[in-house]
PDB file of all heavy atoms in Angstrom:
ATOM      1  N   ALA A   1       3.937   5.147   0.028  1.00  0.00           N
ATOM      2  CA  ALA A   1       2.962   4.161  -0.442  1.00  0.00           C
ATOM      3  C   ALA A   1       3.030   2.932   0.458  1.00  0.00           C
ATOM      4  O   ALA A   1       3.987   2.737   1.214  1.00  0.00           O
ATOM      5  CB  ALA A   1       3.239   3.782  -1.895  1.00  0.00           C
ATOM      6  N   LEU A   2       2.016   2.107   0.367  1.00  0.00           N
ATOM      7  CA  LEU A   2       1.926   0.880   1.152  1.00  0.00           C
ATOM      8  C   LEU A   2       1.549  -0.255   0.220  1.00  0.00           C
ATOM      9  O   LEU A   2       0.567  -0.148  -0.516  1.00  0.00           O
ATOM     10  CB  LEU A   2       0.855   1.034   2.233  1.00  0.00           C
ATOM     11  CG  LEU A   2       0.580  -0.200   3.081  1.00  0.00           C
ATOM     12  CD1 LEU A   2       1.724  -0.432   4.066  1.00  0.00           C
ATOM     13  CD2 LEU A   2      -0.727  -0.036   3.829  1.00  0.00           C
ATOM     14  N   TYR A   3       2.347  -1.320   0.236  1.00  0.00           N
ATOM     15  CA  TYR A   3       1.999  -2.527  -0.515  1.00  0.00           C
ATOM     16  C   TYR A   3       1.327  -3.499   0.446  1.00  0.00           C
ATOM     17  O   TYR A   3       1.830  -3.739   1.548  1.00  0.00           O
ATOM     18  CB  TYR A   3       3.245  -3.190  -1.120  1.00  0.00           C
ATOM     19  CG  TYR A   3       2.921  -4.567  -1.645  1.00  0.00           C
ATOM     20  CD1 TYR A   3       2.277  -4.719  -2.871  1.00  0.00           C
ATOM     21  CD2 TYR A   3       3.192  -5.704  -0.905  1.00  0.00           C
ATOM     22  CE1 TYR A   3       1.932  -5.975  -3.339  1.00  0.00           C
ATOM     23  CE2 TYR A   3       2.853  -6.969  -1.364  1.00  0.00           C
ATOM     24  CZ  TYR A   3       2.222  -7.095  -2.581  1.00  0.00           C
ATOM     25  OH  TYR A   3       1.860  -8.340  -3.048  1.00  0.00           O
ATOM     26  N   ALA A   4       0.197  -4.082   0.033  1.00  0.00           N
ATOM     27  CA  ALA A   4      -0.517  -5.067   0.843  1.00  0.00           C
ATOM     28  C   ALA A   4      -0.893  -6.259  -0.034  1.00  0.00           C
ATOM     29  O   ALA A   4      -1.475  -6.086  -1.109  1.00  0.00           O
ATOM     30  CB  ALA A   4      -1.769  -4.459   1.460  1.00  0.00           C
ATOM     31  N   PRO A   5      -0.557  -7.466   0.417  1.00  0.00           N
ATOM     32  CA  PRO A   5      -0.900  -8.658  -0.362  1.00  0.00           C
ATOM     33  C   PRO A   5      -2.388  -8.985  -0.245  1.00  0.00           C
ATOM     34  O   PRO A   5      -3.095  -8.409   0.587  1.00  0.00           O
ATOM     35  CB  PRO A   5      -0.043  -9.748   0.295  1.00  0.00           C
ATOM     36  CG  PRO A   5       0.107  -9.300   1.709  1.00  0.00           C
ATOM     37  CD  PRO A   5       0.158  -7.799   1.658  1.00  0.00           C
ATOM     38  N   PRO A   6      -2.881  -9.925  -1.052  1.00  0.00           N
ATOM     39  CA  PRO A   6      -4.280 -10.348  -0.922  1.00  0.00           C
ATOM     40  C   PRO A   6      -4.564 -10.840   0.499  1.00  0.00           C
ATOM     41  O   PRO A   6      -3.668 -11.332   1.183  1.00  0.00           O
ATOM     42  CB  PRO A   6      -4.406 -11.502  -1.914  1.00  0.00           C
ATOM     43  CG  PRO A   6      -3.276 -11.342  -2.856  1.00  0.00           C
ATOM     44  CD  PRO A   6      -2.177 -10.670  -2.090  1.00  0.00           C
ATOM     45  N   ARG A   7      -5.782 -10.693   0.919  1.00  0.00           N
ATOM     46  CA  ARG A   7      -6.287 -11.137   2.219  1.00  0.00           C
ATOM     47  C   ARG A   7      -5.752 -10.319   3.393  1.00  0.00           C
ATOM     48  O   ARG A   7      -6.040 -10.612   4.540  1.00  0.00           O
ATOM     49  CB  ARG A   7      -6.041 -12.637   2.455  1.00  0.00           C
ATOM     50  CG  ARG A   7      -6.747 -13.525   1.441  1.00  0.00           C
ATOM     51  CD  ARG A   7      -6.356 -14.985   1.528  1.00  0.00           C
ATOM     52  NE  ARG A   7      -4.964 -15.245   1.214  1.00  0.00           N
ATOM     53  CZ  ARG A   7      -4.414 -15.207  -0.014  1.00  0.00           C
ATOM     54  NH1 ARG A   7      -5.174 -14.909  -1.046  1.00  0.00           N
ATOM     55  NH2 ARG A   7      -3.143 -15.473  -0.208  1.00  0.00           N
ATOM     56  N   ALA A   8      -4.970  -9.288   3.131  1.00  0.00           N
ATOM     57  CA  ALA A   8      -4.435  -8.445   4.203  1.00  0.00           C
ATOM     58  C   ALA A   8      -5.498  -7.444   4.645  1.00  0.00           C
ATOM     59  O   ALA A   8      -6.175  -6.840   3.814  1.00  0.00           O
ATOM     60  CB  ALA A   8      -3.190  -7.706   3.726  1.00  0.00           C
ATOM     61  N   ALA A   9      -5.623  -7.281   5.955  1.00  0.00           N
ATOM     62  CA  ALA A   9      -6.538  -6.286   6.518  1.00  0.00           C
ATOM     63  C   ALA A   9      -5.804  -4.957   6.575  1.00  0.00           C
ATOM     64  O   ALA A   9      -4.888  -4.776   7.380  1.00  0.00           O
ATOM     65  CB  ALA A   9      -6.987  -6.715   7.907  1.00  0.00           C
ATOM     66  N   VAL A  10      -6.187  -4.037   5.707  1.00  0.00           N
ATOM     67  CA  VAL A  10      -5.537  -2.730   5.593  1.00  0.00           C
ATOM     68  C   VAL A  10      -6.391  -1.692   6.308  1.00  0.00           C
ATOM     69  O   VAL A  10      -7.601  -1.628   6.098  1.00  0.00           O
ATOM     70  CB  VAL A  10      -5.359  -2.339   4.109  1.00  0.00           C
ATOM     71  CG1 VAL A  10      -4.788  -0.935   3.979  1.00  0.00           C
ATOM     72  CG2 VAL A  10      -4.492  -3.350   3.387  1.00  0.00           C
ATOM     73  N   GLU A  11      -5.748  -0.884   7.162  1.00  0.00           N
ATOM     74  CA  GLU A  11      -6.424   0.230   7.830  1.00  0.00           C
ATOM     75  C   GLU A  11      -5.602   1.492   7.610  1.00  0.00           C
ATOM     76  O   GLU A  11      -4.416   1.523   7.947  1.00  0.00           O
ATOM     77  CB  GLU A  11      -6.532  -0.011   9.332  1.00  0.00           C
ATOM     78  CG  GLU A  11      -7.491  -1.090   9.726  1.00  0.00           C
ATOM     79  CD  GLU A  11      -7.554  -1.243  11.241  1.00  0.00           C
ATOM     80  OE1 GLU A  11      -7.234  -0.273  11.969  1.00  0.00           O
ATOM     81  OE2 GLU A  11      -7.906  -2.337  11.684  1.00  0.00           O
ATOM     82  N   ILE A  12      -6.234   2.503   7.054  1.00  0.00           N
ATOM     83  CA  ILE A  12      -5.578   3.786   6.836  1.00  0.00           C
ATOM     84  C   ILE A  12      -6.430   4.836   7.537  1.00  0.00           C
ATOM     85  O   ILE A  12      -7.588   5.032   7.183  1.00  0.00           O
ATOM     86  CB  ILE A  12      -5.429   4.087   5.337  1.00  0.00           C
ATOM     87  CG1 ILE A  12      -4.560   2.999   4.694  1.00  0.00           C
ATOM     88  CG2 ILE A  12      -4.860   5.478   5.113  1.00  0.00           C
ATOM     89  CD1 ILE A  12      -4.489   3.036   3.206  1.00  0.00           C
ATOM     90  N   THR A  13      -5.857   5.463   8.556  1.00  0.00           N
ATOM     91  CA  THR A  13      -6.570   6.466   9.338  1.00  0.00           C
ATOM     92  C   THR A  13      -5.957   7.828   9.059  1.00  0.00           C
ATOM     93  O   THR A  13      -4.770   8.053   9.339  1.00  0.00           O
ATOM     94  CB  THR A  13      -6.512   6.147  10.848  1.00  0.00           C
ATOM     95  OG1 THR A  13      -7.074   4.848  11.061  1.00  0.00           O
ATOM     96  CG2 THR A  13      -7.294   7.171  11.648  1.00  0.00           C
ATOM     97  N   ALA A  14      -6.767   8.730   8.538  1.00  0.00           N
ATOM     98  CA  ALA A  14      -6.301  10.071   8.187  1.00  0.00           C
ATOM     99  C   ALA A  14      -6.001  10.870   9.449  1.00  0.00           C
ATOM    100  O   ALA A  14      -6.822  10.924  10.365  1.00  0.00           O
ATOM    101  CB  ALA A  14      -7.343  10.779   7.347  1.00  0.00           C
ATOM    102  N   GLU A  15      -4.815  11.466   9.501  1.00  0.00           N
ATOM    103  CA  GLU A  15      -4.467  12.378  10.590  1.00  0.00           C
ATOM    104  C   GLU A  15      -4.773  13.810  10.185  1.00  0.00           C
ATOM    105  O   GLU A  15      -5.005  14.667  11.031  1.00  0.00           O
ATOM    106  CB  GLU A  15      -2.992  12.219  10.954  1.00  0.00           C
ATOM    107  CG  GLU A  15      -2.705  10.842  11.529  1.00  0.00           C
ATOM    108  CD  GLU A  15      -1.239  10.623  11.864  1.00  0.00           C
ATOM    109  OE1 GLU A  15      -0.358  11.368  11.344  1.00  0.00           O
ATOM    110  OE2 GLU A  15      -0.975   9.696  12.641  1.00  0.00           O
ATOM    111  N   THR A  16      -4.731  14.071   8.888  1.00  0.00           N
ATOM    112  CA  THR A  16      -5.132  15.339   8.278  1.00  0.00           C
ATOM    113  C   THR A  16      -6.060  14.932   7.135  1.00  0.00           C
ATOM    114  O   THR A  16      -6.197  13.742   6.860  1.00  0.00           O
ATOM    115  CB  THR A  16      -3.908  16.086   7.689  1.00  0.00           C
ATOM    116  OG1 THR A  16      -3.387  15.317   6.598  1.00  0.00           O
ATOM    117  CG2 THR A  16      -2.832  16.310   8.736  1.00  0.00           C
ATOM    118  N   PRO A  17      -6.687  15.855   6.436  1.00  0.00           N
ATOM    119  CA  PRO A  17      -7.400  15.429   5.230  1.00  0.00           C
ATOM    120  C   PRO A  17      -6.428  14.705   4.300  1.00  0.00           C
ATOM    121  O   PRO A  17      -5.286  15.140   4.122  1.00  0.00           O
ATOM    122  CB  PRO A  17      -7.894  16.743   4.628  1.00  0.00           C
ATOM    123  CG  PRO A  17      -8.036  17.656   5.810  1.00  0.00           C
ATOM    124  CD  PRO A  17      -6.884  17.284   6.717  1.00  0.00           C
ATOM    125  N   VAL A  18      -6.877  13.592   3.733  1.00  0.00           N
ATOM    126  CA  VAL A  18      -6.014  12.727   2.919  1.00  0.00           C
ATOM    127  C   VAL A  18      -6.667  12.448   1.581  1.00  0.00           C
ATOM    128  O   VAL A  18      -7.868  12.183   1.511  1.00  0.00           O
ATOM    129  CB  VAL A  18      -5.753  11.387   3.658  1.00  0.00           C
ATOM    130  CG1 VAL A  18      -5.223  10.318   2.718  1.00  0.00           C
ATOM    131  CG2 VAL A  18      -4.795  11.594   4.808  1.00  0.00           C
ATOM    132  N   GLU A  19      -5.860  12.514   0.533  1.00  0.00           N
ATOM    133  CA  GLU A  19      -6.272  12.016  -0.777  1.00  0.00           C
ATOM    134  C   GLU A  19      -5.428  10.770  -1.029  1.00  0.00           C
ATOM    135  O   GLU A  19      -4.205  10.806  -0.947  1.00  0.00           O
ATOM    136  CB  GLU A  19      -6.047  13.050  -1.867  1.00  0.00           C
ATOM    137  CG  GLU A  19      -6.602  12.596  -3.199  1.00  0.00           C
ATOM    138  CD  GLU A  19      -6.504  13.658  -4.284  1.00  0.00           C
ATOM    139  OE1 GLU A  19      -5.694  14.600  -4.133  1.00  0.00           O
ATOM    140  OE2 GLU A  19      -7.216  13.543  -5.288  1.00  0.00           O
ATOM    141  N   LEU A  20      -6.093   9.651  -1.303  1.00  0.00           N
ATOM    142  CA  LEU A  20      -5.446   8.352  -1.400  1.00  0.00           C
ATOM    143  C   LEU A  20      -5.834   7.672  -2.705  1.00  0.00           C
ATOM    144  O   LEU A  20      -7.010   7.623  -3.056  1.00  0.00           O
ATOM    145  CB  LEU A  20      -5.899   7.485  -0.221  1.00  0.00           C
ATOM    146  CG  LEU A  20      -5.383   6.062  -0.157  1.00  0.00           C
ATOM    147  CD1 LEU A  20      -3.917   6.047   0.250  1.00  0.00           C
ATOM    148  CD2 LEU A  20      -6.211   5.251   0.843  1.00  0.00           C
ATOM    149  N   ALA A  21      -4.841   7.153  -3.418  1.00  0.00           N
ATOM    150  CA  ALA A  21      -5.083   6.357  -4.624  1.00  0.00           C
ATOM    151  C   ALA A  21      -4.751   4.908  -4.289  1.00  0.00           C
ATOM    152  O   ALA A  21      -3.769   4.636  -3.593  1.00  0.00           O
ATOM    153  CB  ALA A  21      -4.223   6.846  -5.779  1.00  0.00           C
ATOM    154  N   VAL A  22      -5.576   3.975  -4.789  1.00  0.00           N
ATOM    155  CA  VAL A  22      -5.339   2.555  -4.547  1.00  0.00           C
ATOM    156  C   VAL A  22      -5.410   1.808  -5.873  1.00  0.00           C
ATOM    157  O   VAL A  22      -6.451   1.794  -6.522  1.00  0.00           O
ATOM    158  CB  VAL A  22      -6.364   1.952  -3.563  1.00  0.00           C
ATOM    159  CG1 VAL A  22      -6.054   0.477  -3.321  1.00  0.00           C
ATOM    160  CG2 VAL A  22      -6.382   2.719  -2.250  1.00  0.00           C
ATOM    161  N   GLY A  23      -4.286   1.224  -6.261  1.00  0.00           N
ATOM    162  CA  GLY A  23      -4.257   0.346  -7.416  1.00  0.00           C
ATOM    163  C   GLY A  23      -4.314  -1.083  -6.922  1.00  0.00           C
ATOM    164  O   GLY A  23      -3.782  -1.407  -5.857  1.00  0.00           O
ATOM    165  N   SER A  24      -4.975  -1.960  -7.674  1.00  0.00           N
ATOM    166  CA  SER A  24      -5.051  -3.362  -7.268  1.00  0.00           C
ATOM    167  C   SER A  24      -4.940  -4.261  -8.495  1.00  0.00           C
ATOM    168  O   SER A  24      -5.234  -3.844  -9.614  1.00  0.00           O
ATOM    169  CB  SER A  24      -6.360  -3.648  -6.526  1.00  0.00           C
ATOM    170  OG  SER A  24      -7.469  -3.511  -7.385  1.00  0.00           O
ATOM    171  N   ALA A  25      -4.496  -5.492  -8.235  1.00  0.00           N
ATOM    172  CA  ALA A  25      -4.344  -6.471  -9.311  1.00  0.00           C
ATOM    173  C   ALA A  25      -4.436  -7.870  -8.702  1.00  0.00           C
ATOM    174  O   ALA A  25      -4.123  -8.068  -7.524  1.00  0.00           O
ATOM    175  CB  ALA A  25      -3.008  -6.290 -10.016  1.00  0.00           C
ATOM    176  N   PRO A  26      -4.840  -8.854  -9.500  1.00  0.00           N
ATOM    177  CA  PRO A  26      -4.891 -10.229  -8.994  1.00  0.00           C
ATOM    178  C   PRO A  26      -3.499 -10.683  -8.542  1.00  0.00           C
ATOM    179  O   PRO A  26      -2.491 -10.320  -9.151  1.00  0.00           O
ATOM    180  CB  PRO A  26      -5.343 -11.055 -10.204  1.00  0.00           C
ATOM    181  CG  PRO A  26      -5.888 -10.080 -11.180  1.00  0.00           C
ATOM    182  CD  PRO A  26      -5.233  -8.771 -10.907  1.00  0.00           C
ATOM    183  N   ALA A  27      -3.465 -11.452  -7.459  1.00  0.00           N
ATOM    184  CA  ALA A  27      -2.181 -11.947  -6.939  1.00  0.00           C
ATOM    185  C   ALA A  27      -2.434 -13.167  -6.063  1.00  0.00           C
ATOM    186  O   ALA A  27      -3.556 -13.407  -5.612  1.00  0.00           O
ATOM    187  CB  ALA A  27      -1.475 -10.862  -6.147  1.00  0.00           C
ATOM    188  N   LYS A  28      -1.372 -13.917  -5.818  1.00  0.00           N
ATOM    189  CA  LYS A  28      -1.461 -15.112  -4.974  1.00  0.00           C
ATOM    190  C   LYS A  28      -1.097 -14.822  -3.526  1.00  0.00           C
ATOM    191  O   LYS A  28      -1.376 -15.624  -2.649  1.00  0.00           O
ATOM    192  CB  LYS A  28      -0.552 -16.201  -5.535  1.00  0.00           C
ATOM    193  CG  LYS A  28      -1.024 -16.690  -6.882  1.00  0.00           C
ATOM    194  CD  LYS A  28      -0.122 -17.757  -7.426  1.00  0.00           C
ATOM    195  CE  LYS A  28      -0.684 -18.184  -8.784  1.00  0.00           C
ATOM    196  NZ  LYS A  28       0.272 -18.887  -9.586  1.00  0.00           N
ATOM    197  N   GLY A  29      -0.427 -13.730  -3.251  1.00  0.00           N
ATOM    198  CA  GLY A  29      -0.067 -13.394  -1.881  1.00  0.00           C
ATOM    199  C   GLY A  29       1.253 -13.984  -1.451  1.00  0.00           C
ATOM    200  O   GLY A  29       1.387 -14.482  -0.341  1.00  0.00           O
ATOM    201  N   LEU A  30       2.248 -13.911  -2.297  1.00  0.00           N
ATOM    202  CA  LEU A  30       3.560 -14.482  -2.009  1.00  0.00           C
ATOM    203  C   LEU A  30       4.496 -13.511  -1.296  1.00  0.00           C
ATOM    204  O   LEU A  30       5.566 -13.917  -0.855  1.00  0.00           O
ATOM    205  CB  LEU A  30       4.215 -14.955  -3.311  1.00  0.00           C
ATOM    206  CG  LEU A  30       3.405 -15.943  -4.149  1.00  0.00           C
ATOM    207  CD1 LEU A  30       4.129 -16.249  -5.457  1.00  0.00           C
ATOM    208  CD2 LEU A  30       3.134 -17.214  -3.362  1.00  0.00           C
ATOM    209  N   HIS A  31       4.113 -12.240  -1.179  1.00  0.00           N
ATOM    210  CA  HIS A  31       5.008 -11.227  -0.633  1.00  0.00           C
ATOM    211  C   HIS A  31       4.365 -10.532   0.561  1.00  0.00           C
ATOM    212  O   HIS A  31       3.156 -10.310   0.581  1.00  0.00           O
ATOM    213  CB  HIS A  31       5.364 -10.207  -1.708  1.00  0.00           C
ATOM    214  CG  HIS A  31       5.891 -10.847  -2.958  1.00  0.00           C
ATOM    215  ND1 HIS A  31       7.142 -11.429  -3.015  1.00  0.00           N
ATOM    216  CD2 HIS A  31       5.324 -11.030  -4.171  1.00  0.00           C
ATOM    217  CE1 HIS A  31       7.323 -11.941  -4.210  1.00  0.00           C
ATOM    218  NE2 HIS A  31       6.235 -11.711  -4.937  1.00  0.00           N
ATOM    219  N   PRO A  32       5.168 -10.148   1.567  1.00  0.00           N
ATOM    220  CA  PRO A  32       4.619  -9.495   2.756  1.00  0.00           C
ATOM    221  C   PRO A  32       4.268  -8.029   2.504  1.00  0.00           C
ATOM    222  O   PRO A  32       4.778  -7.404   1.568  1.00  0.00           O
ATOM    223  CB  PRO A  32       5.761  -9.601   3.769  1.00  0.00           C
ATOM    224  CG  PRO A  32       6.991  -9.629   2.934  1.00  0.00           C
ATOM    225  CD  PRO A  32       6.606 -10.374   1.670  1.00  0.00           C
ATOM    226  N   ALA A  33       3.438  -7.493   3.372  1.00  0.00           N
ATOM    227  CA  ALA A  33       3.117  -6.066   3.332  1.00  0.00           C
ATOM    228  C   ALA A  33       4.385  -5.277   3.611  1.00  0.00           C
ATOM    229  O   ALA A  33       5.261  -5.726   4.347  1.00  0.00           O
ATOM    230  CB  ALA A  33       2.057  -5.743   4.376  1.00  0.00           C
ATOM    231  N   ARG A  34       4.472  -4.093   3.008  1.00  0.00           N
ATOM    232  CA  ARG A  34       5.627  -3.245   3.278  1.00  0.00           C
ATOM    233  C   ARG A  34       5.313  -1.789   2.955  1.00  0.00           C
ATOM    234  O   ARG A  34       4.476  -1.482   2.113  1.00  0.00           O
ATOM    235  CB  ARG A  34       6.847  -3.708   2.500  1.00  0.00           C
ATOM    236  CG  ARG A  34       6.780  -3.481   1.020  1.00  0.00           C
ATOM    237  CD  ARG A  34       8.095  -3.912   0.357  1.00  0.00           C
ATOM    238  NE  ARG A  34       8.073  -3.676  -1.048  1.00  0.00           N
ATOM    239  CZ  ARG A  34       7.455  -4.420  -1.946  1.00  0.00           C
ATOM    240  NH1 ARG A  34       6.780  -5.469  -1.568  1.00  0.00           N
ATOM    241  NH2 ARG A  34       7.504  -4.110  -3.221  1.00  0.00           N
ATOM    242  N   LEU A  35       6.034  -0.936   3.644  1.00  0.00           N
ATOM    243  CA  LEU A  35       5.958   0.493   3.406  1.00  0.00           C
ATOM    244  C   LEU A  35       6.939   0.845   2.308  1.00  0.00           C
ATOM    245  O   LEU A  35       8.055   0.326   2.274  1.00  0.00           O
ATOM    246  CB  LEU A  35       6.311   1.235   4.701  1.00  0.00           C
ATOM    247  CG  LEU A  35       6.072   2.730   4.721  1.00  0.00           C
ATOM    248  CD1 LEU A  35       4.600   3.062   4.482  1.00  0.00           C
ATOM    249  CD2 LEU A  35       6.526   3.287   6.061  1.00  0.00           C
ATOM    250  N   ILE A  36       6.535   1.702   1.387  1.00  0.00           N
ATOM    251  CA  ILE A  36       7.405   2.177   0.313  1.00  0.00           C
ATOM    252  C   ILE A  36       7.690   3.649   0.599  1.00  0.00           C
ATOM    253  O   ILE A  36       6.772   4.479   0.572  1.00  0.00           O
ATOM    254  CB  ILE A  36       6.740   1.987  -1.065  1.00  0.00           C
ATOM    255  CG1 ILE A  36       6.412   0.509  -1.287  1.00  0.00           C
ATOM    256  CG2 ILE A  36       7.634   2.541  -2.171  1.00  0.00           C
ATOM    257  CD1 ILE A  36       5.466   0.236  -2.440  1.00  0.00           C
ATOM    258  N   LEU A  37       8.937   3.937   0.911  1.00  0.00           N
ATOM    259  CA  LEU A  37       9.340   5.297   1.279  1.00  0.00           C
ATOM    260  C   LEU A  37       9.592   6.143   0.033  1.00  0.00           C
ATOM    261  O   LEU A  37       9.951   5.613  -1.021  1.00  0.00           O
ATOM    262  CB  LEU A  37      10.612   5.243   2.130  1.00  0.00           C
ATOM    263  CG  LEU A  37      10.503   4.422   3.412  1.00  0.00           C
ATOM    264  CD1 LEU A  37      11.865   4.314   4.088  1.00  0.00           C
ATOM    265  CD2 LEU A  37       9.464   5.012   4.339  1.00  0.00           C
ATOM    266  N   PRO A  38       9.436   7.474   0.148  1.00  0.00           N
ATOM    267  CA  PRO A  38       9.665   8.340  -1.012  1.00  0.00           C
ATOM    268  C   PRO A  38      11.029   8.135  -1.663  1.00  0.00           C
ATOM    269  O   PRO A  38      11.141   8.156  -2.891  1.00  0.00           O
ATOM    270  CB  PRO A  38       9.528   9.753  -0.436  1.00  0.00           C
ATOM    271  CG  PRO A  38       8.618   9.590   0.731  1.00  0.00           C
ATOM    272  CD  PRO A  38       8.959   8.242   1.302  1.00  0.00           C
ATOM    273  N   GLU A  39      12.069   7.893  -0.853  1.00  0.00           N
ATOM    274  CA  GLU A  39      13.407   7.722  -1.436  1.00  0.00           C
ATOM    275  C   GLU A  39      13.549   6.421  -2.221  1.00  0.00           C
ATOM    276  O   GLU A  39      14.508   6.247  -2.968  1.00  0.00           O
ATOM    277  CB  GLU A  39      14.500   7.850  -0.367  1.00  0.00           C
ATOM    278  CG  GLU A  39      14.339   6.946   0.811  1.00  0.00           C
ATOM    279  CD  GLU A  39      13.589   7.576   1.991  1.00  0.00           C
ATOM    280  OE1 GLU A  39      12.811   8.526   1.809  1.00  0.00           O
ATOM    281  OE2 GLU A  39      13.788   7.082   3.100  1.00  0.00           O
ATOM    282  N   GLU A  40      12.592   5.507  -2.088  1.00  0.00           N
ATOM    283  CA  GLU A  40      12.601   4.261  -2.857  1.00  0.00           C
ATOM    284  C   GLU A  40      11.845   4.386  -4.180  1.00  0.00           C
ATOM    285  O   GLU A  40      11.862   3.477  -4.997  1.00  0.00           O
ATOM    286  CB  GLU A  40      11.962   3.139  -2.039  1.00  0.00           C
ATOM    287  CG  GLU A  40      12.682   2.807  -0.756  1.00  0.00           C
ATOM    288  CD  GLU A  40      11.905   1.800   0.062  1.00  0.00           C
ATOM    289  OE1 GLU A  40      12.066   0.596  -0.190  1.00  0.00           O
ATOM    290  OE2 GLU A  40      11.133   2.225   0.943  1.00  0.00           O
ATOM    291  N   VAL A  41      11.168   5.489  -4.372  1.00  0.00           N
ATOM    292  CA  VAL A  41      10.330   5.704  -5.554  1.00  0.00           C
ATOM    293  C   VAL A  41      11.187   6.265  -6.686  1.00  0.00           C
ATOM    294  O   VAL A  41      11.872   7.277  -6.510  1.00  0.00           O
ATOM    295  CB  VAL A  41       9.160   6.659  -5.232  1.00  0.00           C
ATOM    296  CG1 VAL A  41       8.382   7.032  -6.486  1.00  0.00           C
ATOM    297  CG2 VAL A  41       8.245   6.023  -4.187  1.00  0.00           C
ATOM    298  N   GLY A  42      11.155   5.586  -7.839  1.00  0.00           N
ATOM    299  CA  GLY A  42      11.900   6.059  -9.003  1.00  0.00           C
ATOM    300  C   GLY A  42      11.186   7.213  -9.684  1.00  0.00           C
ATOM    301  O   GLY A  42       9.990   7.414  -9.495  1.00  0.00           O
ATOM    302  N   ARG A  43      11.935   7.964 -10.489  1.00  0.00           N
ATOM    303  CA  ARG A  43      11.348   9.080 -11.224  1.00  0.00           C
ATOM    304  C   ARG A  43      11.878   9.077 -12.641  1.00  0.00           C
ATOM    305  O   ARG A  43      13.076   8.970 -12.872  1.00  0.00           O
ATOM    306  CB  ARG A  43      11.689  10.402 -10.552  1.00  0.00           C
ATOM    307  CG  ARG A  43      11.023  11.593 -11.228  1.00  0.00           C
ATOM    308  CD  ARG A  43      11.362  12.862 -10.537  1.00  0.00           C
ATOM    309  NE  ARG A  43      12.490  13.480 -11.216  1.00  0.00           N
ATOM    310  CZ  ARG A  43      12.783  14.759 -11.147  1.00  0.00           C
ATOM    311  NH1 ARG A  43      12.067  15.569 -10.397  1.00  0.00           N
ATOM    312  NH2 ARG A  43      13.814  15.248 -11.791  1.00  0.00           N
TER     313      ARG A  43
END
Protein backbone atom coordinates (compact mmCIF):
# COMPACT_ATOMS: atom_id res chain seq x y z
CA ALA A 1 0.00 0.00 0.00
CA LEU A 2 0.99 3.64 -0.36
CA TYR A 3 0.11 6.44 2.05
CA ALA A 4 -0.07 9.93 0.51
CA PRO A 5 -0.84 13.14 2.40
CA PRO A 6 -3.15 15.88 1.07
CA ARG A 7 -1.83 17.88 -1.89
CA ALA A 8 0.55 15.05 -2.87
CA ALA A 9 0.84 14.28 -6.58
CA VAL A 10 0.32 10.51 -6.76
CA GLU A 11 1.20 8.52 -9.89
CA ILE A 12 0.53 4.80 -10.13
CA THR A 13 1.58 3.16 -13.39
CA ALA A 14 0.43 -0.41 -13.96
CA GLU A 15 3.17 -2.81 -15.05
CA THR A 16 0.62 -5.64 -15.31
CA PRO A 17 -3.16 -5.36 -15.09
CA VAL A 18 -3.82 -3.81 -11.67
CA GLU A 19 -6.79 -3.68 -9.35
CA LEU A 20 -6.36 -0.76 -6.94
CA ALA A 21 -8.44 0.38 -3.96
CA VAL A 22 -8.10 3.95 -2.66
CA GLY A 23 -9.44 5.07 0.69
CA SER A 24 -9.39 8.77 1.54
CA ALA A 25 -10.21 10.99 4.49
CA PRO A 26 -9.86 14.67 5.43
CA ALA A 27 -6.40 15.54 6.76
CA LYS A 28 -4.06 18.46 7.35
CA GLY A 29 -0.98 16.88 5.78
CA LEU A 30 1.25 16.47 8.81
CA HIS A 31 2.85 13.18 7.69
CA PRO A 32 5.07 12.32 4.70
CA ALA A 33 4.21 9.87 1.94
CA ARG A 34 5.38 6.33 2.58
CA LEU A 35 5.26 2.83 1.24
CA ILE A 36 3.53 0.23 3.42
CA LEU A 37 5.12 -3.18 2.94
CA PRO A 38 3.17 -6.45 3.32
CA GLU A 39 5.20 -7.39 6.42
CA GLU A 40 3.98 -4.17 8.09
CA VAL A 41 0.32 -5.06 7.56
CA GLY A 42 -1.47 -6.55 10.57
CA ARG A 43 -3.89 -9.46 10.31
